[in-house]
All heavy atoms as atom14 arrays in JSON, in Angstrom:
{
  "sequence": "EGNFLLVTQNIDNLHERAGSRNVLHMHGELLKMRCLNSQMVFDIRE",
  "atom14_mask": [
    [1, 1, 1, 1, 1, 1, 1, 1, 1, 0, 0, 0, 0, 0],
    [1, 1, 1, 1, 0, 0, 0, 0, 0, 0, 0, 0, 0, 0],
    [1, 1, 1, 1, 1, 1, 1, 1, 0, 0, 0, 0, 0, 0],
    [1, 1, 1, 1, 1, 1, 1, 1, 1, 1, 1, 0, 0, 0],
    [1, 1, 1, 1, 1, 1, 1, 1, 0, 0, 0, 0, 0, 0],
    [1, 1, 1, 1, 1, 1, 1, 1, 0, 0, 0, 0, 0, 0],
    [1, 1, 1, 1, 1, 1, 1, 0, 0, 0, 0, 0, 0, 0],
    [1, 1, 1, 1, 1, 1, 1, 0, 0, 0, 0, 0, 0, 0],
    [1, 1, 1, 1, 1, 1, 1, 1, 1, 0, 0, 0, 0, 0],
    [1, 1, 1, 1, 1, 1, 1, 1, 0, 0, 0, 0, 0, 0],
    [1, 1, 1, 1, 1, 1, 1, 1, 0, 0, 0, 0, 0, 0],
    [1, 1, 1, 1, 1, 1, 1, 1, 0, 0, 0, 0, 0, 0],
    [1, 1, 1, 1, 1, 1, 1, 1, 0, 0, 0, 0, 0, 0],
    [1, 1, 1, 1, 1, 1, 1, 1, 0, 0, 0, 0, 0, 0],
    [1, 1, 1, 1, 1, 1, 1, 1, 1, 1, 0, 0, 0, 0],
    [1, 1, 1, 1, 1, 1, 1, 1, 1, 0, 0, 0, 0, 0],
    [1, 1, 1, 1, 1, 1, 1, 1, 1, 1, 1, 0, 0, 0],
    [1, 1, 1, 1, 1, 0, 0, 0, 0, 0, 0, 0, 0, 0],
    [1, 1, 1, 1, 0, 0, 0, 0, 0, 0, 0, 0, 0, 0],
    [1, 1, 1, 1, 1, 1, 0, 0, 0, 0, 0, 0, 0, 0],
    [1, 1, 1, 1, 1, 1, 1, 1, 1, 1, 1, 0, 0, 0],
    [1, 1, 1, 1, 1, 1, 1, 1, 0, 0, 0, 0, 0, 0],
    [1, 1, 1, 1, 1, 1, 1, 0, 0, 0, 0, 0, 0, 0],
    [1, 1, 1, 1, 1, 1, 1, 1, 0, 0, 0, 0, 0, 0],
    [1, 1, 1, 1, 1, 1, 1, 1, 1, 1, 0, 0, 0, 0],
    [1, 1, 1, 1, 1, 1, 1, 1, 0, 0, 0, 0, 0, 0],
    [1, 1, 1, 1, 1, 1, 1, 1, 1, 1, 0, 0, 0, 0],
    [1, 1, 1, 1, 0, 0, 0, 0, 0, 0, 0, 0, 0, 0],
    [1, 1, 1, 1, 1, 1, 1, 1, 1, 0, 0, 0, 0, 0],
    [1, 1, 1, 1, 1, 1, 1, 1, 0, 0, 0, 0, 0, 0],
    [1, 1, 1, 1, 1, 1, 1, 1, 0, 0, 0, 0, 0, 0],
    [1, 1, 1, 1, 1, 1, 1, 1, 1, 0, 0, 0, 0, 0],
    [1, 1, 1, 1, 1, 1, 1, 1, 0, 0, 0, 0, 0, 0],
    [1, 1, 1, 1, 1, 1, 1, 1, 1, 1, 1, 0, 0, 0],
    [1, 1, 1, 1, 1, 1, 0, 0, 0, 0, 0, 0, 0, 0],
    [1, 1, 1, 1, 1, 1, 1, 1, 0, 0, 0, 0, 0, 0],
    [1, 1, 1, 1, 1, 1, 1, 1, 0, 0, 0, 0, 0, 0],
    [1, 1, 1, 1, 1, 1, 0, 0, 0, 0, 0, 0, 0, 0],
    [1, 1, 1, 1, 1, 1, 1, 1, 1, 0, 0, 0, 0, 0],
    [1, 1, 1, 1, 1, 1, 1, 1, 0, 0, 0, 0, 0, 0],
    [1, 1, 1, 1, 1, 1, 1, 0, 0, 0, 0, 0, 0, 0],
    [1, 1, 1, 1, 1, 1, 1, 1, 1, 1, 1, 0, 0, 0],
    [1, 1, 1, 1, 1, 1, 1, 1, 0, 0, 0, 0, 0, 0],
    [1, 1, 1, 1, 1, 1, 1, 1, 0, 0, 0, 0, 0, 0],
    [1, 1, 1, 1, 1, 1, 1, 1, 1, 1, 1, 0, 0, 0],
    [1, 1, 1, 1, 1, 1, 1, 1, 1, 0, 0, 0, 0, 0]
  ],
  "atom14_positions": [
    [[7.38, -40.37, 8.52], [6.52, -41.19, 9.38], [6.61, -40.81, 10.86], [5.82, -41.3, 11.67], [6.88, -42.67, 9.2], [6.62, -43.19, 7.79], [7.02, -44.63, 7.62], [7.6, -45.2, 8.58], [6.76, -45.21, 6.55], [0.0, 0.0, 0.0], [0.0, 0.0, 0.0], [0.0, 0.0, 0.0], [0.0, 0.0, 0.0], [0.0, 0.0, 0.0]],
    [[7.54, -39.95, 11.2], [7.69, -39.55, 12.59], [7.02, -38.23, 12.89], [6.14, -37.77, 12.16], [0.0, 0.0, 0.0], [0.0, 0.0, 0.0], [0.0, 0.0, 0.0], [0.0, 0.0, 0.0], [0.0, 0.0, 0.0], [0.0, 0.0, 0.0], [0.0, 0.0, 0.0], [0.0, 0.0, 0.0], [0.0, 0.0, 0.0], [0.0, 0.0, 0.0]],
    [[7.43, -37.61, 13.99], [6.91, -36.31, 14.4], [7.72, -35.2, 13.75], [8.96, -35.22, 13.78], [6.98, -36.17, 15.92], [6.07, -37.14, 16.62], [4.85, -37.05, 16.52], [6.66, -38.11, 17.32], [0.0, 0.0, 0.0], [0.0, 0.0, 0.0], [0.0, 0.0, 0.0], [0.0, 0.0, 0.0], [0.0, 0.0, 0.0], [0.0, 0.0, 0.0]],
    [[7.02, -34.23, 13.2], [7.68, -33.13, 12.5], [7.05, -31.81, 12.93], [5.83, -31.66, 12.91], [7.53, -33.3, 10.99], [8.15, -32.19, 10.18], [9.5, -32.21, 9.88], [7.38, -31.13, 9.72], [10.08, -31.2, 9.13], [7.95, -30.11, 8.98], [9.31, -30.14, 8.68], [0.0, 0.0, 0.0], [0.0, 0.0, 0.0], [0.0, 0.0, 0.0]],
    [[7.89, -30.86, 13.33], [7.42, -29.52, 13.68], [8.24, -28.5, 12.9], [9.47, -28.53, 12.92], [7.57, -29.26, 15.18], [7.16, -27.86, 15.64], [5.67, -27.62, 15.4], [7.51, -27.65, 17.11], [0.0, 0.0, 0.0], [0.0, 0.0, 0.0], [0.0, 0.0, 0.0], [0.0, 0.0, 0.0], [0.0, 0.0, 0.0], [0.0, 0.0, 0.0]],
    [[7.54, -27.59, 12.25], [8.18, -26.51, 11.5], [7.93, -25.21, 12.24], [6.79, -24.75, 12.36], [7.61, -26.44, 10.08], [8.07, -25.29, 9.18], [9.59, -25.25, 9.08], [7.44, -25.41, 7.81], [0.0, 0.0, 0.0], [0.0, 0.0, 0.0], [0.0, 0.0, 0.0], [0.0, 0.0, 0.0], [0.0, 0.0, 0.0], [0.0, 0.0, 0.0]],
    [[8.99, -24.62, 12.76], [8.94, -23.33, 13.45], [9.51, -22.29, 12.5], [10.61, -22.49, 11.95], [9.75, -23.35, 14.75], [9.66, -22.0, 15.46], [9.26, -24.47, 15.66], [0.0, 0.0, 0.0], [0.0, 0.0, 0.0], [0.0, 0.0, 0.0], [0.0, 0.0, 0.0], [0.0, 0.0, 0.0], [0.0, 0.0, 0.0], [0.0, 0.0, 0.0]],
    [[8.79, -21.2, 12.28], [9.31, -20.18, 11.38], [9.36, -18.82, 12.06], [8.47, -18.47, 12.85], [8.49, -20.09, 10.08], [9.11, -19.14, 9.19], [7.04, -19.7, 10.34], [0.0, 0.0, 0.0], [0.0, 0.0, 0.0], [0.0, 0.0, 0.0], [0.0, 0.0, 0.0], [0.0, 0.0, 0.0], [0.0, 0.0, 0.0], [0.0, 0.0, 0.0]],
    [[10.41, -18.09, 11.77], [10.52, -16.7, 12.2], [9.84, -15.77, 11.21], [9.7, -14.58, 11.5], [12.0, -16.32, 12.32], [12.76, -17.09, 13.38], [14.25, -16.81, 13.32], [14.94, -17.25, 12.42], [14.75, -16.08, 14.3], [0.0, 0.0, 0.0], [0.0, 0.0, 0.0], [0.0, 0.0, 0.0], [0.0, 0.0, 0.0], [0.0, 0.0, 0.0]],
    [[9.43, -16.3, 10.08], [8.84, -15.47, 9.02], [7.36, -15.23, 9.27], [6.65, -16.11, 9.76], [9.04, -16.15, 7.67], [10.5, -16.38, 7.35], [11.36, -15.61, 7.79], [10.79, -17.43, 6.62], [0.0, 0.0, 0.0], [0.0, 0.0, 0.0], [0.0, 0.0, 0.0], [0.0, 0.0, 0.0], [0.0, 0.0, 0.0], [0.0, 0.0, 0.0]],
    [[6.89, -14.06, 8.89], [5.49, -13.71, 9.1], [4.67, -13.87, 7.82], [3.48, -13.56, 7.81], [5.35, -12.28, 9.66], [5.93, -11.24, 8.7], [6.02, -12.18, 11.02], [5.69, -9.8, 9.16], [0.0, 0.0, 0.0], [0.0, 0.0, 0.0], [0.0, 0.0, 0.0], [0.0, 0.0, 0.0], [0.0, 0.0, 0.0], [0.0, 0.0, 0.0]],
    [[5.27, -14.37, 6.75], [4.52, -14.64, 5.52], [3.83, -15.99, 5.63], [3.98, -16.71, 6.61], [5.45, -14.6, 4.3], [6.59, -15.61, 4.4], [6.29, -16.83, 4.39], [7.76, -15.2, 4.48], [0.0, 0.0, 0.0], [0.0, 0.0, 0.0], [0.0, 0.0, 0.0], [0.0, 0.0, 0.0], [0.0, 0.0, 0.0], [0.0, 0.0, 0.0]],
    [[3.05, -16.33, 4.59], [2.29, -17.59, 4.59], [2.8, -18.59, 3.56], [2.07, -19.47, 3.12], [0.81, -17.3, 4.32], [0.56, -16.76, 2.92], [1.47, -16.26, 2.26], [-0.69, -16.84, 2.47], [0.0, 0.0, 0.0], [0.0, 0.0, 0.0], [0.0, 0.0, 0.0], [0.0, 0.0, 0.0], [0.0, 0.0, 0.0], [0.0, 0.0, 0.0]],
    [[4.08, -18.49, 3.19], [4.6, -19.32, 2.11], [4.7, -20.79, 2.5], [4.52, -21.68, 1.66], [5.96, -18.79, 1.64], [5.91, -17.41, 0.99], [7.3, -16.97, 0.56], [4.97, -17.4, -0.2], [0.0, 0.0, 0.0], [0.0, 0.0, 0.0], [0.0, 0.0, 0.0], [0.0, 0.0, 0.0], [0.0, 0.0, 0.0], [0.0, 0.0, 0.0]],
    [[4.97, -21.09, 3.75], [5.0, -22.5, 4.17], [3.62, -23.14, 4.02], [3.5, -24.25, 3.51], [5.47, -22.61, 5.62], [6.95, -22.45, 5.8], [7.87, -23.25, 5.15], [7.66, -21.58, 6.56], [9.09, -22.89, 5.52], [8.99, -21.88, 6.36], [0.0, 0.0, 0.0], [0.0, 0.0, 0.0], [0.0, 0.0, 0.0], [0.0, 0.0, 0.0]],
    [[2.59, -22.42, 4.47], [1.24, -22.95, 4.35], [0.83, -23.09, 2.89], [0.19, -24.08, 2.51], [0.25, -22.06, 5.1], [0.35, -22.11, 6.61], [1.42, -21.2, 7.19], [2.19, -20.6, 6.41], [1.5, -21.07, 8.41], [0.0, 0.0, 0.0], [0.0, 0.0, 0.0], [0.0, 0.0, 0.0], [0.0, 0.0, 0.0], [0.0, 0.0, 0.0]],
    [[1.18, -22.13, 2.08], [0.82, -22.2, 0.65], [1.53, -23.36, -0.04], [1.01, -23.94, -1.0], [1.17, -20.88, -0.03], [0.24, -19.73, 0.32], [0.7, -18.43, -0.29], [0.79, -18.53, -1.75], [1.32, -17.6, -2.52], [1.83, -16.5, -1.97], [1.37, -17.76, -3.83], [0.0, 0.0, 0.0], [0.0, 0.0, 0.0], [0.0, 0.0, 0.0]],
    [[2.71, -23.73, 0.47], [3.44, -24.85, -0.11], [2.85, -26.19, 0.32], [3.16, -27.22, -0.28], [4.91, -24.78, 0.27], [0.0, 0.0, 0.0], [0.0, 0.0, 0.0], [0.0, 0.0, 0.0], [0.0, 0.0, 0.0], [0.0, 0.0, 0.0], [0.0, 0.0, 0.0], [0.0, 0.0, 0.0], [0.0, 0.0, 0.0], [0.0, 0.0, 0.0]],
    [[2.03, -26.18, 1.38], [1.4, -27.41, 1.83], [1.8, -27.86, 3.22], [1.34, -28.9, 3.69], [0.0, 0.0, 0.0], [0.0, 0.0, 0.0], [0.0, 0.0, 0.0], [0.0, 0.0, 0.0], [0.0, 0.0, 0.0], [0.0, 0.0, 0.0], [0.0, 0.0, 0.0], [0.0, 0.0, 0.0], [0.0, 0.0, 0.0], [0.0, 0.0, 0.0]],
    [[2.65, -27.11, 3.91], [3.03, -27.47, 5.28], [1.82, -27.3, 6.2], [1.05, -26.34, 6.07], [4.18, -26.6, 5.78], [5.37, -26.88, 5.07], [0.0, 0.0, 0.0], [0.0, 0.0, 0.0], [0.0, 0.0, 0.0], [0.0, 0.0, 0.0], [0.0, 0.0, 0.0], [0.0, 0.0, 0.0], [0.0, 0.0, 0.0], [0.0, 0.0, 0.0]],
    [[1.69, -28.22, 7.15], [0.53, -28.2, 8.03], [0.89, -27.9, 9.49], [0.19, -27.16, 10.16], [-0.2, -29.56, 7.96], [-0.82, -29.85, 6.6], [-1.34, -31.26, 6.51], [-0.28, -32.26, 6.66], [-0.46, -33.57, 6.47], [-1.64, -34.03, 6.13], [0.56, -34.41, 6.62], [0.0, 0.0, 0.0], [0.0, 0.0, 0.0], [0.0, 0.0, 0.0]],
    [[1.97, -28.51, 9.98], [2.33, -28.34, 11.39], [3.35, -27.21, 11.51], [4.56, -27.43, 11.66], [2.91, -29.65, 11.94], [2.93, -29.67, 13.46], [2.26, -28.9, 14.1], [3.71, -30.58, 14.02], [0.0, 0.0, 0.0], [0.0, 0.0, 0.0], [0.0, 0.0, 0.0], [0.0, 0.0, 0.0], [0.0, 0.0, 0.0], [0.0, 0.0, 0.0]],
    [[2.84, -25.98, 11.43], [3.69, -24.78, 11.39], [3.37, -23.9, 12.6], [2.2, -23.63, 12.89], [3.46, -23.97, 10.1], [4.41, -22.78, 10.04], [3.59, -24.85, 8.87], [0.0, 0.0, 0.0], [0.0, 0.0, 0.0], [0.0, 0.0, 0.0], [0.0, 0.0, 0.0], [0.0, 0.0, 0.0], [0.0, 0.0, 0.0], [0.0, 0.0, 0.0]],
    [[4.41, -23.42, 13.27], [4.27, -22.44, 14.34], [4.98, -21.16, 13.92], [6.18, -21.19, 13.64], [4.87, -22.95, 15.65], [4.2, -24.16, 16.3], [4.92, -24.52, 17.59], [2.72, -23.89, 16.58], [0.0, 0.0, 0.0], [0.0, 0.0, 0.0], [0.0, 0.0, 0.0], [0.0, 0.0, 0.0], [0.0, 0.0, 0.0], [0.0, 0.0, 0.0]],
    [[4.25, -20.05, 13.9], [4.83, -18.74, 13.57], [5.24, -18.05, 14.87], [4.42, -17.41, 15.52], [3.81, -17.89, 12.81], [3.6, -18.31, 11.4], [4.26, -17.71, 10.34], [2.8, -19.26, 10.87], [3.86, -18.28, 9.21], [2.98, -19.23, 9.51], [0.0, 0.0, 0.0], [0.0, 0.0, 0.0], [0.0, 0.0, 0.0], [0.0, 0.0, 0.0]],
    [[6.5, -18.17, 15.23], [6.93, -17.62, 16.52], [6.94, -16.1, 16.52], [6.9, -15.48, 17.6], [8.31, -18.17, 16.9], [9.43, -17.83, 15.96], [11.03, -18.49, 16.54], [11.31, -17.54, 18.04], [0.0, 0.0, 0.0], [0.0, 0.0, 0.0], [0.0, 0.0, 0.0], [0.0, 0.0, 0.0], [0.0, 0.0, 0.0], [0.0, 0.0, 0.0]],
    [[7.0, -15.47, 15.35], [6.98, -14.0, 15.27], [5.66, -13.47, 14.75], [5.58, -12.3, 14.38], [8.13, -13.51, 14.4], [9.47, -13.68, 15.05], [10.66, -13.57, 14.36], [9.82, -13.94, 16.34], [11.67, -13.78, 15.19], [11.19, -14.01, 16.39], [0.0, 0.0, 0.0], [0.0, 0.0, 0.0], [0.0, 0.0, 0.0], [0.0, 0.0, 0.0]],
    [[4.64, -14.31, 14.71], [3.33, -13.85, 14.28], [3.11, -14.04, 12.79], [3.91, -14.65, 12.09], [0.0, 0.0, 0.0], [0.0, 0.0, 0.0], [0.0, 0.0, 0.0], [0.0, 0.0, 0.0], [0.0, 0.0, 0.0], [0.0, 0.0, 0.0], [0.0, 0.0, 0.0], [0.0, 0.0, 0.0], [0.0, 0.0, 0.0], [0.0, 0.0, 0.0]],
    [[1.98, -13.48, 12.32], [1.57, -13.66, 10.94], [1.09, -12.34, 10.33], [0.26, -11.65, 10.93], [0.47, -14.71, 10.85], [0.89, -16.08, 11.35], [-0.23, -17.09, 11.29], [-0.68, -17.39, 10.17], [-0.65, -17.56, 12.36], [0.0, 0.0, 0.0], [0.0, 0.0, 0.0], [0.0, 0.0, 0.0], [0.0, 0.0, 0.0], [0.0, 0.0, 0.0]],
    [[1.59, -12.05, 9.17], [1.26, -10.8, 8.5], [-0.21, -10.73, 8.1], [-0.8, -9.64, 8.05], [2.14, -10.65, 7.25], [2.05, -9.35, 6.46], [2.43, -8.16, 7.33], [2.97, -9.42, 5.25], [0.0, 0.0, 0.0], [0.0, 0.0, 0.0], [0.0, 0.0, 0.0], [0.0, 0.0, 0.0], [0.0, 0.0, 0.0], [0.0, 0.0, 0.0]],
    [[-0.83, -11.86, 7.84], [-2.22, -11.9, 7.39], [-3.19, -12.08, 8.54], [-4.3, -12.6, 8.36], [-2.4, -13.01, 6.34], [-1.51, -12.9, 5.11], [-1.83, -14.0, 4.12], [-1.67, -11.53, 4.44], [0.0, 0.0, 0.0], [0.0, 0.0, 0.0], [0.0, 0.0, 0.0], [0.0, 0.0, 0.0], [0.0, 0.0, 0.0], [0.0, 0.0, 0.0]],
    [[-2.8, -11.62, 9.72], [-3.67, -11.63, 10.88], [-3.55, -10.31, 11.63], [-2.49, -9.68, 11.62], [-3.34, -12.79, 11.82], [-3.6, -14.18, 11.22], [-3.31, -15.28, 12.22], [-3.48, -16.66, 11.6], [-4.88, -16.92, 11.21], [0.0, 0.0, 0.0], [0.0, 0.0, 0.0], [0.0, 0.0, 0.0], [0.0, 0.0, 0.0], [0.0, 0.0, 0.0]],
    [[-4.65, -9.91, 12.25], [-4.66, -8.73, 13.12], [-5.18, -9.16, 14.49], [-5.85, -10.19, 14.63], [-5.55, -7.64, 12.54], [-5.11, -7.12, 11.18], [-3.54, -6.22, 11.24], [-4.06, -4.67, 11.99], [0.0, 0.0, 0.0], [0.0, 0.0, 0.0], [0.0, 0.0, 0.0], [0.0, 0.0, 0.0], [0.0, 0.0, 0.0], [0.0, 0.0, 0.0]],
    [[-4.87, -8.35, 15.52], [-5.27, -8.7, 16.87], [-5.92, -7.5, 17.55], [-5.45, -6.36, 17.42], [-4.04, -9.14, 17.67], [-4.36, -9.64, 19.05], [-3.16, -10.33, 19.7], [-2.17, -9.42, 20.22], [-0.93, -9.3, 19.75], [-0.54, -10.04, 18.71], [-0.07, -8.47, 20.29], [0.0, 0.0, 0.0], [0.0, 0.0, 0.0], [0.0, 0.0, 0.0]],
    [[-7.03, -7.78, 18.27], [-7.72, -6.73, 19.02], [-6.94, -6.41, 20.29], [-6.57, -7.31, 21.05], [-9.14, -7.18, 19.36], [-10.05, -5.99, 20.4], [0.0, 0.0, 0.0], [0.0, 0.0, 0.0], [0.0, 0.0, 0.0], [0.0, 0.0, 0.0], [0.0, 0.0, 0.0], [0.0, 0.0, 0.0], [0.0, 0.0, 0.0], [0.0, 0.0, 0.0]],
    [[-6.7, -5.14, 20.54], [-5.95, -4.74, 21.72], [-6.74, -4.96, 23.01], [-6.15, -5.09, 24.09], [-5.56, -3.26, 21.6], [-4.52, -2.93, 20.52], [-4.4, -1.42, 20.36], [-3.18, -3.54, 20.86], [0.0, 0.0, 0.0], [0.0, 0.0, 0.0], [0.0, 0.0, 0.0], [0.0, 0.0, 0.0], [0.0, 0.0, 0.0], [0.0, 0.0, 0.0]],
    [[-8.06, -5.0, 22.92], [-8.89, -5.2, 24.11], [-9.07, -6.67, 24.46], [-8.78, -7.11, 25.56], [-10.26, -4.53, 23.92], [-10.17, -3.03, 23.95], [-9.26, -2.46, 24.53], [-11.13, -2.36, 23.32], [0.0, 0.0, 0.0], [0.0, 0.0, 0.0], [0.0, 0.0, 0.0], [0.0, 0.0, 0.0], [0.0, 0.0, 0.0], [0.0, 0.0, 0.0]],
    [[-9.56, -7.45, 23.49], [-9.9, -8.85, 23.76], [-8.76, -9.82, 23.45], [-8.81, -10.97, 23.86], [-11.12, -9.25, 22.93], [-10.79, -9.28, 21.54], [0.0, 0.0, 0.0], [0.0, 0.0, 0.0], [0.0, 0.0, 0.0], [0.0, 0.0, 0.0], [0.0, 0.0, 0.0], [0.0, 0.0, 0.0], [0.0, 0.0, 0.0], [0.0, 0.0, 0.0]],
    [[-7.76, -9.37, 22.68], [-6.66, -10.22, 22.19], [-7.13, -11.27, 21.19], [-6.39, -12.2, 20.87], [-5.92, -10.9, 23.36], [-5.3, -9.93, 24.35], [-4.32, -8.97, 23.69], [-3.43, -9.37, 22.95], [-4.5, -7.66, 23.92], [0.0, 0.0, 0.0], [0.0, 0.0, 0.0], [0.0, 0.0, 0.0], [0.0, 0.0, 0.0], [0.0, 0.0, 0.0]],
    [[-8.35, -11.13, 20.7], [-8.83, -12.02, 19.64], [-8.07, -11.75, 18.36], [-7.71, -10.6, 18.07], [-10.33, -11.84, 19.43], [-11.19, -12.35, 20.57], [-12.98, -12.23, 20.22], [-13.11, -13.4, 18.84], [0.0, 0.0, 0.0], [0.0, 0.0, 0.0], [0.0, 0.0, 0.0], [0.0, 0.0, 0.0], [0.0, 0.0, 0.0], [0.0, 0.0, 0.0]],
    [[-7.82, -12.81, 17.59], [-7.03, -12.71, 16.36], [-7.94, -12.95, 15.16], [-8.77, -13.86, 15.17], [-5.87, -13.74, 16.38], [-5.08, -13.67, 15.08], [-4.96, -13.48, 17.58], [0.0, 0.0, 0.0], [0.0, 0.0, 0.0], [0.0, 0.0, 0.0], [0.0, 0.0, 0.0], [0.0, 0.0, 0.0], [0.0, 0.0, 0.0], [0.0, 0.0, 0.0]],
    [[-7.78, -12.13, 14.13], [-8.62, -12.19, 12.94], [-7.78, -12.29, 11.69], [-6.7, -11.68, 11.6], [-9.5, -10.93, 12.83], [-10.32, -10.64, 14.06], [-9.86, -9.73, 15.0], [-11.53, -11.28, 14.27], [-10.61, -9.45, 16.14], [-12.28, -11.01, 15.4], [-11.82, -10.1, 16.33], [0.0, 0.0, 0.0], [0.0, 0.0, 0.0], [0.0, 0.0, 0.0]],
    [[-8.25, -13.04, 10.71], [-7.62, -13.05, 9.39], [-7.86, -11.72, 8.72], [-8.91, -11.09, 8.89], [-8.21, -14.16, 8.52], [-7.84, -15.55, 9.02], [-6.77, -15.69, 9.66], [-8.61, -16.49, 8.78], [0.0, 0.0, 0.0], [0.0, 0.0, 0.0], [0.0, 0.0, 0.0], [0.0, 0.0, 0.0], [0.0, 0.0, 0.0], [0.0, 0.0, 0.0]],
    [[-6.88, -11.28, 7.95], [-7.0, -9.99, 7.26], [-6.33, -10.08, 5.9], [-5.25, -10.68, 5.76], [-6.4, -8.85, 8.11], [-6.66, -7.49, 7.49], [-4.9, -9.06, 8.34], [-8.08, -7.05, 7.57], [0.0, 0.0, 0.0], [0.0, 0.0, 0.0], [0.0, 0.0, 0.0], [0.0, 0.0, 0.0], [0.0, 0.0, 0.0], [0.0, 0.0, 0.0]],
    [[-6.96, -9.54, 4.89], [-6.39, -9.49, 3.54], [-6.33, -8.06, 3.0], [-5.5, -7.73, 2.18], [-7.21, -10.35, 2.57], [-7.17, -11.86, 2.87], [-5.8, -12.43, 2.68], [-5.75, -13.87, 2.82], [-5.61, -14.5, 3.99], [-5.52, -13.8, 5.12], [-5.57, -15.82, 4.04], [0.0, 0.0, 0.0], [0.0, 0.0, 0.0], [0.0, 0.0, 0.0]],
    [[-7.24, -7.22, 3.47], [-7.32, -5.86, 2.95], [-6.44, -4.91, 3.77], [-5.94, -5.27, 4.84], [-8.76, -5.37, 2.95], [-9.38, -5.21, 4.33], [-10.01, -6.47, 4.85], [-9.81, -7.55, 4.26], [-10.71, -6.4, 5.9], [0.0, 0.0, 0.0], [0.0, 0.0, 0.0], [0.0, 0.0, 0.0], [0.0, 0.0, 0.0], [0.0, 0.0, 0.0]]
  ]
}
């Protein structure tokens, strides 16, 4: 019933797949890529 924050050093998506919602990936995410020019972040699977 209180405030909960999950910080992970892992770059996998297992917390989200388990159902966690308030997750911060401090080391980034393996299933995302970033443009070197715009710094925009995109989901990636392939």
